[in-house]
Amino acid sequence: MSIVVKNLTKFYGEQAAVHQINFEVKKGEIVGFLGPNGAGKSTTMKIITGYVPSSSGEVEVCGRTVSVDSLDTRRLIGYLPENNPLYLDMYVKEYLTFVADIYKLKNVKNRVAEMIDAVGLEVEQNKKIGMLSKGYRQRVGLAQAIIHDPEVLILDEPTSGLDPNQLVEIRELIKNIGKEKTVMLSTHIMQEVEAICDRVVIINKGEIVADGKTNELNQNTELVTVYVEFDGQISKSILTKIKGVYKVEKVGEGWLLEGSKDSDLRKIIAQFAQENKWLILTLRIEEKRLEDVFKMLTFK
């Protein structure tokens, strides 16, 4: 395993940021680490990277215990923090050379050139970092995170604040990096997780509430959602009276009705419509999106 988290707990004063969490990340996986603000994502990532000590529990990276072999472990990890701290007065090539020297890399000039090519910084390489757009600054952050060829990459909100074009570019970059590295990333963008990640771990209030492949999480929910559109005006209050329907939501010209996965909700709706002499124009099961599962698991 590239990352093993065992009974990890972190207190800030009397407040538990994370409480006895357990999960593993296999070599070569890209794992999305999700949760609402304050759920414990950044704290967990900082503990994994050795920047913050845990209160109890253990973290292993590539077989090494972080609390015991902190410096050796950090050599195996590439880390992009949420705020991407960079020296804005340094030039791109100068900064990457500086980072390469910290890691005491050989052939620094060649390695810096490789990173500039890998993350698409050729046009911007001779500019000061402070002159770059946020998208290019994120590329610089990714370059410094992988310049020492780490086995594990930890990315905390790597696409925060990017425009749609930059999102696509950084997303593809992370996917390419993930072909050779173990990647763990946090994000609030569900589409990003579905596009990039092999697996999802969801944390809420400091505890793991879900862990599995994206399609498995979508299928394992106990609820089913049906979209129905009627010929004519139907009130929400009437639809809430349908047996087995837990939730009713107006969407465009139709309705989303949520009920138990064990019941055939389409059949129930069709029978209810027939009894009330309503004509159904559309009736279909809506696939659960990761966003729906996330809301259900982290709803306060």
Protein backbone atom coordinates (compact mmCIF):
# COMPACT_ATOMS: atom_id res chain seq x y z
CA MET A 1 0.00 0.00 0.00
CA SER A 2 1.19 3.52 -0.77
CA ILE A 3 -0.79 5.11 2.10
CA VAL A 4 -2.15 3.40 5.21
CA VAL A 5 -4.08 5.43 7.79
CA LYS A 6 -4.77 3.61 11.07
CA ASN A 7 -7.05 4.95 13.82
CA LEU A 8 -5.89 8.49 13.07
CA THR A 9 -7.03 11.17 15.53
CA LYS A 10 -6.14 14.85 15.74
CA PHE A 11 -7.30 17.25 18.45
CA TYR A 12 -7.00 21.03 18.36
CA GLY A 13 -7.58 21.82 22.01
CA GLU A 14 -10.70 19.88 22.90
CA GLN A 15 -11.99 19.85 19.30
CA ALA A 16 -11.43 16.65 17.33
CA ALA A 17 -10.58 17.53 13.71
CA VAL A 18 -10.41 13.84 12.80
CA HIS A 19 -11.44 10.92 14.99
CA GLN A 20 -10.09 7.37 14.58
CA ILE A 21 -10.24 7.30 10.79
CA ASN A 22 -8.97 4.37 8.73
CA PHE A 23 -8.36 4.02 5.00
CA GLU A 24 -5.75 2.80 2.53
CA VAL A 25 -4.59 3.95 -0.90
CA LYS A 26 -3.08 1.39 -3.24
CA LYS A 27 -0.11 2.04 -5.45
CA GLY A 28 -1.17 3.67 -8.73
CA GLU A 29 -4.62 4.77 -7.50
CA ILE A 30 -6.06 8.26 -7.89
CA VAL A 31 -8.27 8.79 -4.84
CA GLY A 32 -10.61 11.72 -4.28
CA PHE A 33 -10.76 12.82 -0.64
CA LEU A 34 -14.07 14.64 -0.20
CA GLY A 35 -15.91 16.40 2.56
CA PRO A 36 -17.59 19.70 3.47
CA ASN A 37 -15.57 22.60 4.87
CA GLY A 38 -14.20 21.74 8.30
CA ALA A 39 -14.63 18.00 7.82
CA GLY A 40 -10.94 17.24 8.40
CA LYS A 41 -9.60 16.89 4.83
CA SER A 42 -6.68 19.32 5.04
CA THR A 43 -5.77 18.17 8.55
CA THR A 44 -5.56 14.56 7.38
CA MET A 45 -3.44 15.51 4.37
CA LYS A 46 -1.07 17.57 6.53
CA ILE A 47 -0.62 14.61 8.88
CA ILE A 48 0.06 12.24 5.96
CA THR A 49 2.71 14.60 4.60
CA GLY A 50 4.33 15.04 8.02
CA TYR A 51 3.59 18.76 8.35
CA VAL A 52 1.27 18.29 11.34
CA PRO A 53 1.65 15.61 14.05
CA SER A 54 -1.30 13.40 14.93
CA SER A 55 -2.73 13.14 18.45
CA SER A 56 -2.93 9.36 18.11
CA GLY A 57 -2.97 6.66 15.45
CA GLU A 58 -0.48 5.97 12.68
CA VAL A 59 0.13 6.87 9.06
CA GLU A 60 2.38 4.81 6.79
CA VAL A 61 3.63 5.96 3.41
CA CYS A 62 5.26 3.30 1.24
CA GLY A 63 5.86 1.16 4.32
CA ARG A 64 7.43 3.93 6.42
CA THR A 65 5.75 5.33 9.53
CA VAL A 66 5.43 9.10 9.13
CA SER A 67 5.86 9.91 12.83
CA VAL A 68 9.06 7.83 13.03
CA ASP A 69 10.70 8.50 9.64
CA SER A 70 9.35 11.96 8.91
CA LEU A 71 12.22 13.23 6.72
CA ASP A 72 12.62 9.98 4.78
CA THR A 73 8.86 9.85 4.25
CA ARG A 74 8.72 13.40 2.90
CA ARG A 75 11.21 12.45 0.19
CA LEU A 76 8.61 9.98 -1.09
CA ILE A 77 5.80 12.57 -1.15
CA GLY A 78 4.98 15.46 -3.44
CA TYR A 79 2.68 17.97 -1.75
CA LEU A 80 0.62 20.82 -3.18
CA PRO A 81 -1.06 22.66 -0.27
CA GLU A 82 -4.45 24.32 -0.68
CA ASN A 83 -3.09 27.88 -0.93
CA ASN A 84 -0.12 26.90 -3.16
CA PRO A 85 2.52 29.03 -1.38
CA LEU A 86 5.10 30.22 -3.90
CA TYR A 87 7.89 32.81 -3.94
CA LEU A 88 6.20 35.35 -6.20
CA ASP A 89 9.38 37.41 -6.76
CA MET A 90 11.25 34.42 -8.16
CA TYR A 91 11.26 33.45 -11.82
CA VAL A 92 9.72 30.09 -12.76
CA LYS A 93 13.02 28.42 -13.71
CA GLU A 94 14.75 30.02 -10.74
CA TYR A 95 12.14 28.71 -8.31
CA LEU A 96 12.16 25.16 -9.70
CA THR A 97 15.96 25.16 -9.59
CA PHE A 98 15.73 26.28 -5.95
CA VAL A 99 13.37 23.38 -5.13
CA ALA A 100 15.55 20.88 -7.00
CA ASP A 101 18.58 22.03 -4.99
CA ILE A 102 16.66 21.51 -1.73
CA TYR A 103 16.15 17.88 -2.74
CA LYS A 104 19.84 17.69 -3.79
CA LEU A 105 18.91 16.38 -7.20
CA LYS A 106 21.51 15.57 -9.83
CA ASN A 107 21.36 17.13 -13.30
CA VAL A 108 19.20 19.96 -11.94
CA LYS A 109 19.10 21.86 -15.24
CA ASN A 110 17.76 18.83 -17.12
CA ARG A 111 15.22 18.01 -14.42
CA VAL A 112 13.87 21.56 -14.36
CA ALA A 113 13.53 21.48 -18.16
CA GLU A 114 11.64 18.16 -17.91
CA MET A 115 9.21 19.62 -15.36
CA ILE A 116 8.59 22.74 -17.41
CA ASP A 117 7.75 20.55 -20.40
CA ALA A 118 5.65 18.11 -18.33
CA VAL A 119 3.33 20.77 -16.87
CA GLY A 120 3.20 23.04 -19.94
CA LEU A 121 5.19 26.03 -18.68
CA GLU A 122 7.39 26.52 -21.74
CA VAL A 123 5.89 29.91 -22.69
CA GLU A 124 5.93 31.21 -19.10
CA GLN A 125 9.24 29.79 -17.86
CA ASN A 126 11.13 33.11 -17.96
CA LYS A 127 8.48 35.12 -16.14
CA LYS A 128 8.24 35.96 -12.47
CA ILE A 129 5.74 33.73 -10.68
CA GLY A 130 3.87 36.82 -9.48
CA MET A 131 3.11 37.71 -13.12
CA LEU A 132 1.45 34.37 -13.86
CA SER A 133 -2.28 33.62 -13.96
CA LYS A 134 -3.65 31.33 -11.26
CA GLY A 135 -3.76 28.44 -13.72
CA TYR A 136 -0.05 28.75 -14.46
CA ARG A 137 0.76 29.19 -10.78
CA GLN A 138 -0.98 25.88 -10.15
CA ARG A 139 1.25 24.35 -12.82
CA VAL A 140 4.30 25.71 -11.00
CA GLY A 141 2.93 24.20 -7.78
CA LEU A 142 2.48 20.83 -9.47
CA ALA A 143 5.97 21.03 -10.96
CA GLN A 144 7.57 21.61 -7.55
CA ALA A 145 5.51 18.75 -6.11
CA ILE A 146 6.79 16.20 -8.64
CA ILE A 147 10.28 17.52 -9.41
CA HIS A 148 11.93 14.98 -7.07
CA ASP A 149 9.97 12.12 -8.67
CA PRO A 150 7.94 11.15 -5.57
CA GLU A 151 5.99 7.92 -5.31
CA VAL A 152 2.97 9.60 -3.71
CA LEU A 153 1.33 12.91 -4.66
CA ILE A 154 -0.92 14.78 -2.20
CA LEU A 155 -2.96 17.60 -3.77
CA ASP A 156 -5.18 19.81 -1.60
CA GLU A 157 -7.75 21.64 -3.75
CA PRO A 158 -5.49 21.68 -6.84
CA THR A 159 -8.10 23.32 -9.10
CA SER A 160 -9.54 25.86 -6.66
CA GLY A 161 -10.36 29.17 -8.35
CA LEU A 162 -9.52 28.09 -11.89
CA ASP A 163 -11.64 29.02 -14.92
CA PRO A 164 -13.27 26.22 -17.00
CA ASN A 165 -10.41 26.06 -19.52
CA GLN A 166 -7.78 25.93 -16.79
CA LEU A 167 -9.82 23.24 -15.01
CA VAL A 168 -9.68 20.97 -18.04
CA GLU A 169 -5.94 21.52 -18.50
CA ILE A 170 -5.01 20.85 -14.86
CA ARG A 171 -7.41 17.88 -14.74
CA GLU A 172 -5.68 16.27 -17.71
CA LEU A 173 -2.30 17.01 -16.18
CA ILE A 174 -3.27 15.24 -12.94
CA LYS A 175 -4.61 12.25 -14.88
CA ASN A 176 -1.33 11.94 -16.76
CA ILE A 177 0.66 12.19 -13.52
CA GLY A 178 -1.61 9.54 -12.01
CA LYS A 179 -0.52 7.00 -14.62
CA GLU A 180 2.81 6.71 -12.82
CA LYS A 181 2.10 8.01 -9.29
CA THR A 182 -0.25 7.35 -6.41
CA VAL A 183 -2.42 10.47 -6.15
CA MET A 184 -4.67 11.64 -3.33
CA LEU A 185 -6.55 14.87 -3.95
CA SER A 186 -9.22 16.88 -2.21
CA THR A 187 -11.78 18.96 -4.08
CA HIS A 188 -15.32 20.34 -3.89
CA ILE A 189 -15.92 19.77 -7.61
CA MET A 190 -17.79 16.49 -8.00
CA GLN A 191 -17.40 16.43 -11.78
CA GLU A 192 -13.67 16.57 -11.28
CA VAL A 193 -13.74 13.49 -9.05
CA GLU A 194 -15.88 11.57 -11.53
CA ALA A 195 -13.51 12.54 -14.36
CA ILE A 196 -10.21 11.84 -12.58
CA CYS A 197 -10.54 9.51 -9.60
CA ASP A 198 -10.55 5.72 -9.39
CA ARG A 199 -11.96 5.81 -5.87
CA VAL A 200 -13.62 8.18 -3.42
CA VAL A 201 -13.20 8.57 0.33
CA ILE A 202 -15.76 10.88 2.00
CA ILE A 203 -15.13 12.40 5.43
CA ASN A 204 -17.71 14.26 7.50
CA LYS A 205 -17.26 15.78 10.96
CA GLY A 206 -13.89 14.07 11.29
CA GLU A 207 -15.13 10.55 10.44
CA ILE A 208 -15.07 8.47 7.26
CA VAL A 209 -18.63 8.01 6.02
CA ALA A 210 -17.95 6.36 2.64
CA ASP A 211 -15.10 4.62 0.83
CA GLY A 212 -15.42 3.00 -2.58
CA LYS A 213 -15.36 3.37 -6.32
CA THR A 214 -17.49 6.18 -7.69
CA ASN A 215 -19.96 3.95 -9.52
CA GLU A 216 -20.27 1.69 -6.47
CA LEU A 217 -21.14 4.63 -4.21
CA ASN A 218 -23.79 5.74 -6.68
CA GLN A 219 -25.35 2.27 -6.76
CA ASN A 220 -25.17 1.51 -3.05
CA THR A 221 -27.49 4.27 -1.93
CA GLU A 222 -30.77 2.98 -0.49
CA LEU A 223 -32.82 5.56 -2.38
CA VAL A 224 -33.98 5.78 -5.98
CA THR A 225 -35.00 8.94 -7.83
CA VAL A 226 -37.61 9.03 -10.61
CA TYR A 227 -38.25 11.90 -13.01
CA VAL A 228 -41.90 12.28 -14.06
CA GLU A 229 -43.64 14.82 -16.25
CA PHE A 230 -47.44 15.06 -16.44
CA ASP A 231 -49.75 16.56 -19.04
CA GLY A 232 -51.25 19.32 -16.95
CA GLN A 233 -50.61 21.10 -13.67
CA ILE A 234 -50.01 18.89 -10.62
CA SER A 235 -49.34 20.29 -7.15
CA LYS A 236 -46.43 19.23 -4.97
CA SER A 237 -48.77 18.56 -2.05
CA ILE A 238 -50.60 15.89 -4.07
CA LEU A 239 -47.37 14.18 -5.15
CA THR A 240 -46.16 13.97 -1.54
CA LYS A 241 -49.19 11.78 -0.82
CA ILE A 242 -47.96 9.01 -3.12
CA LYS A 243 -47.16 5.98 -0.99
CA GLY A 244 -43.40 5.33 -0.80
CA VAL A 245 -42.35 8.82 -1.93
CA TYR A 246 -40.04 10.51 0.59
CA LYS A 247 -39.10 13.66 -1.27
CA VAL A 248 -40.58 15.76 -4.10
CA GLU A 249 -38.69 18.43 -6.04
CA LYS A 250 -39.81 20.55 -9.01
CA VAL A 251 -37.35 20.40 -11.94
CA GLY A 252 -38.22 22.29 -15.12
CA GLU A 253 -41.52 20.99 -16.51
CA GLY A 254 -41.41 17.85 -14.38
CA TRP A 255 -40.77 16.47 -10.91
CA LEU A 256 -38.08 14.45 -9.15
CA LEU A 257 -39.60 11.93 -6.75
CA GLU A 258 -37.38 10.06 -4.31
CA GLY A 259 -38.27 6.80 -2.63
CA SER A 260 -36.98 3.46 -1.39
CA LYS A 261 -34.79 1.45 -3.73
CA ASP A 262 -36.69 -1.68 -2.68
CA SER A 263 -39.97 -0.45 -4.17
CA ASP A 264 -40.76 -0.09 -7.88
CA LEU A 265 -41.36 3.64 -7.72
CA ARG A 266 -42.20 3.91 -11.43
CA LYS A 267 -45.01 1.39 -11.06
CA ILE A 268 -46.35 3.15 -7.95
CA ILE A 269 -46.36 6.53 -9.74
CA ALA A 270 -48.00 5.09 -12.84
CA GLN A 271 -50.74 3.46 -10.77
CA PHE A 272 -51.32 6.69 -8.80
CA ALA A 273 -51.56 8.65 -12.08
CA GLN A 274 -54.04 6.13 -13.51
CA GLU A 275 -56.24 6.34 -10.42
CA ASN A 276 -56.31 10.15 -10.71
CA LYS A 277 -56.68 10.07 -14.52
CA TRP A 278 -53.41 11.90 -15.13
CA LEU A 279 -51.52 11.49 -18.40
CA ILE A 280 -47.81 10.80 -17.97
CA LEU A 281 -45.55 12.31 -20.65
CA THR A 282 -42.21 11.17 -19.21
CA LEU A 283 -41.27 8.60 -16.58
CA ARG A 284 -37.70 7.44 -15.99
CA ILE A 285 -35.25 6.49 -13.24
CA GLU A 286 -32.58 9.11 -12.68
CA GLU A 287 -29.05 7.83 -12.12
CA LYS A 288 -27.59 8.92 -8.81
CA ARG A 289 -24.76 11.41 -9.20
CA LEU A 290 -21.82 11.60 -6.85
CA GLU A 291 -23.09 15.03 -5.80
CA ASP A 292 -26.37 13.45 -4.63
CA VAL A 293 -24.51 10.80 -2.63
CA PHE A 294 -22.21 13.43 -1.14
CA LYS A 295 -25.17 15.57 -0.01
CA MET A 296 -26.93 12.58 1.50
CA LEU A 297 -23.85 11.47 3.48
CA THR A 298 -22.75 14.90 4.70
CA PHE A 299 -26.09 16.60 5.31
CA LYS A 300 -26.04 18.29 8.70
